[in-house]
C-alpha atoms as a PDB file:
ATOM      1  CA  UNK A   1      94.099 224.014 -54.563  1.00  0.00           C
ATOM      2  CA  UNK A   2      92.565 225.665 -57.602  1.00  0.00           C
ATOM      3  CA  UNK A   3      90.301 223.740 -59.946  1.00  0.00           C
ATOM      4  CA  UNK A   4      88.941 224.963 -63.239  1.00  0.00           C
ATOM      5  CA  UNK A   5      86.436 223.344 -65.544  1.00  0.00           C
ATOM      6  CA  UNK A   6      85.070 224.217 -68.949  1.00  0.00           C
ATOM      7  CA  UNK A   7      81.842 222.288 -68.409  1.00  0.00           C
ATOM      8  CA  UNK A   8      79.607 221.546 -65.468  1.00  0.00           C
ATOM      9  CA  UNK A   9      81.091 218.575 -63.557  1.00  0.00           C
ATOM     10  CA  UNK A  10      78.948 215.454 -63.528  1.00  0.00           C
ATOM     11  CA  UNK A  11      78.731 212.780 -60.890  1.00  0.00           C
ATOM     12  CA  UNK A  12      79.750 209.545 -62.647  1.00  0.00           C
ATOM     13  CA  UNK A  13      76.639 209.008 -64.760  1.00  0.00           C
ATOM     14  CA  UNK A  14      78.488 206.747 -67.146  1.00  0.00           C
ATOM     15  CA  UNK A  15      82.010 205.573 -67.723  1.00  0.00           C
ATOM     16  CA  UNK A  16      82.020 207.279 -71.144  1.00  0.00           C
ATOM     17  CA  UNK A  17      81.024 210.780 -70.017  1.00  0.00           C
ATOM     18  CA  UNK A  18      84.090 212.784 -68.980  1.00  0.00           C
ATOM     19  CA  UNK A  19      84.849 216.309 -67.798  1.00  0.00           C
ATOM     20  CA  UNK A  20      88.361 217.689 -68.170  1.00  0.00           C
ATOM     21  CA  UNK A  21      89.636 219.545 -65.090  1.00  0.00           C
ATOM     22  CA  UNK A  22      92.901 221.285 -64.272  1.00  0.00           C
ATOM     23  CA  UNK A  23      94.000 221.313 -60.637  1.00  0.00           C
ATOM     24  CA  UNK A  24      96.865 223.102 -58.884  1.00  0.00           C
ATOM     25  CA  UNK A  25      98.002 220.821 -56.048  1.00  0.00           C
ATOM     26  CA  UNK A  26     100.601 221.446 -53.392  1.00  0.00           C
ATOM     27  CA  UNK A  27     103.680 219.215 -53.709  1.00  0.00           C
ATOM     28  CA  UNK A  28     102.612 217.255 -50.604  1.00  0.00           C
ATOM     29  CA  UNK A  29      99.138 216.578 -52.002  1.00  0.00           C
ATOM     30  CA  UNK A  30     100.568 215.661 -55.417  1.00  0.00           C
ATOM     31  CA  UNK A  31     102.979 213.227 -53.745  1.00  0.00           C
ATOM     32  CA  UNK A  32     100.132 211.699 -51.730  1.00  0.00           C
ATOM     33  CA  UNK A  33      98.102 211.254 -54.927  1.00  0.00           C
ATOM     34  CA  UNK A  34     101.060 209.606 -56.672  1.00  0.00           C
ATOM     35  CA  UNK A  35     101.532 207.282 -53.695  1.00  0.00           C
ATOM     36  CA  UNK A  36      97.837 206.331 -53.747  1.00  0.00           C
ATOM     37  CA  UNK A  37      97.946 205.657 -57.488  1.00  0.00           C
ATOM     38  CA  UNK A  38     101.099 203.579 -57.209  1.00  0.00           C
ATOM     39  CA  UNK A  39      99.920 201.549 -54.215  1.00  0.00           C
ATOM     40  CA  UNK A  40      96.610 200.754 -55.946  1.00  0.00           C
ATOM     41  CA  UNK A  41      98.228 200.228 -59.363  1.00  0.00           C
ATOM     42  CA  UNK A  42      95.913 202.782 -61.007  1.00  0.00           C
ATOM     43  CA  UNK A  43      96.334 206.037 -62.922  1.00  0.00           C
ATOM     44  CA  UNK A  44      96.503 209.424 -61.204  1.00  0.00           C
ATOM     45  CA  UNK A  45      93.056 210.154 -62.645  1.00  0.00           C
ATOM     46  CA  UNK A  46      91.586 206.973 -61.162  1.00  0.00           C
ATOM     47  CA  UNK A  47      93.272 207.584 -57.798  1.00  0.00           C
ATOM     48  CA  UNK A  48      91.838 211.117 -57.677  1.00  0.00           C
ATOM     49  CA  UNK A  49      88.401 209.855 -58.704  1.00  0.00           C
ATOM     50  CA  UNK A  50      88.455 207.227 -55.946  1.00  0.00           C
ATOM     51  CA  UNK A  51      89.587 209.780 -53.359  1.00  0.00           C
ATOM     52  CA  UNK A  52      86.783 212.168 -54.323  1.00  0.00           C
ATOM     53  CA  UNK A  53      84.209 209.352 -54.288  1.00  0.00           C
ATOM     54  CA  UNK A  54      85.381 208.262 -50.840  1.00  0.00           C
ATOM     55  CA  UNK A  55      85.209 211.824 -49.496  1.00  0.00           C
ATOM     56  CA  UNK A  56      81.719 212.322 -50.976  1.00  0.00           C
ATOM     57  CA  UNK A  57      80.545 209.076 -49.358  1.00  0.00           C
ATOM     58  CA  UNK A  58      81.986 210.021 -45.960  1.00  0.00           C
ATOM     59  CA  UNK A  59      80.485 213.523 -46.087  1.00  0.00           C
ATOM     60  CA  UNK A  60      77.060 212.115 -46.986  1.00  0.00           C
ATOM     61  CA  UNK A  61      77.133 209.506 -44.233  1.00  0.00           C
ATOM     62  CA  UNK A  62      78.382 211.975 -41.613  1.00  0.00           C
ATOM     63  CA  UNK A  63      75.498 214.307 -42.513  1.00  0.00           C
ATOM     64  CA  UNK A  64      73.205 211.353 -41.768  1.00  0.00           C
ATOM     65  CA  UNK A  65      74.766 211.010 -38.321  1.00  0.00           C
ATOM     66  CA  UNK A  66      77.226 208.183 -39.002  1.00  0.00           C
ATOM     67  CA  UNK A  67      80.592 208.033 -37.263  1.00  0.00           C
ATOM     68  CA  UNK A  68      83.860 206.904 -38.804  1.00  0.00           C
ATOM     69  CA  UNK A  69      85.490 204.357 -36.532  1.00  0.00           C
ATOM     70  CA  UNK A  70      88.937 202.800 -36.877  1.00  0.00           C
ATOM     71  CA  UNK A  71      89.916 199.531 -35.252  1.00  0.00           C
ATOM     72  CA  UNK A  72      93.495 198.380 -34.885  1.00  0.00           C
ATOM     73  CA  UNK A  73      95.034 195.825 -32.556  1.00  0.00           C
ATOM     74  CA  UNK A  74      91.758 195.462 -30.682  1.00  0.00           C
ATOM     75  CA  UNK A  75      91.514 199.203 -30.019  1.00  0.00           C
ATOM     76  CA  UNK A  76      88.699 201.305 -31.445  1.00  0.00           C
ATOM     77  CA  UNK A  77      88.874 205.040 -32.053  1.00  0.00           C
ATOM     78  CA  UNK A  78      86.603 207.537 -33.772  1.00  0.00           C
ATOM     79  CA  UNK A  79      87.990 209.654 -36.587  1.00  0.00           C
ATOM     80  CA  UNK A  80      87.003 213.285 -35.976  1.00  0.00           C
ATOM     81  CA  UNK A  81      86.747 215.560 -39.029  1.00  0.00           C
ATOM     82  CA  UNK A  82      87.336 219.310 -38.920  1.00  0.00           C
ATOM     83  CA  UNK A  83      84.430 221.266 -40.339  1.00  0.00           C
END
């Protein structure tokens, strides 16, 4: 995935401040983004923003030693991330 920007990206300081980015996504990733947007009834931009925010949160917490645990049907498993 290639991303270009004409200004330095900012971490959501305000809802008014925006940075325009262009991204080249694989068809699979683009389809996943469209599915996320549709399932959450939001724009592609909002879906991408949420995905990036979630990833940033998970990275920060994992650096602090947190584990990501999934629970389904009474079974618990840890989600292991490749580095």
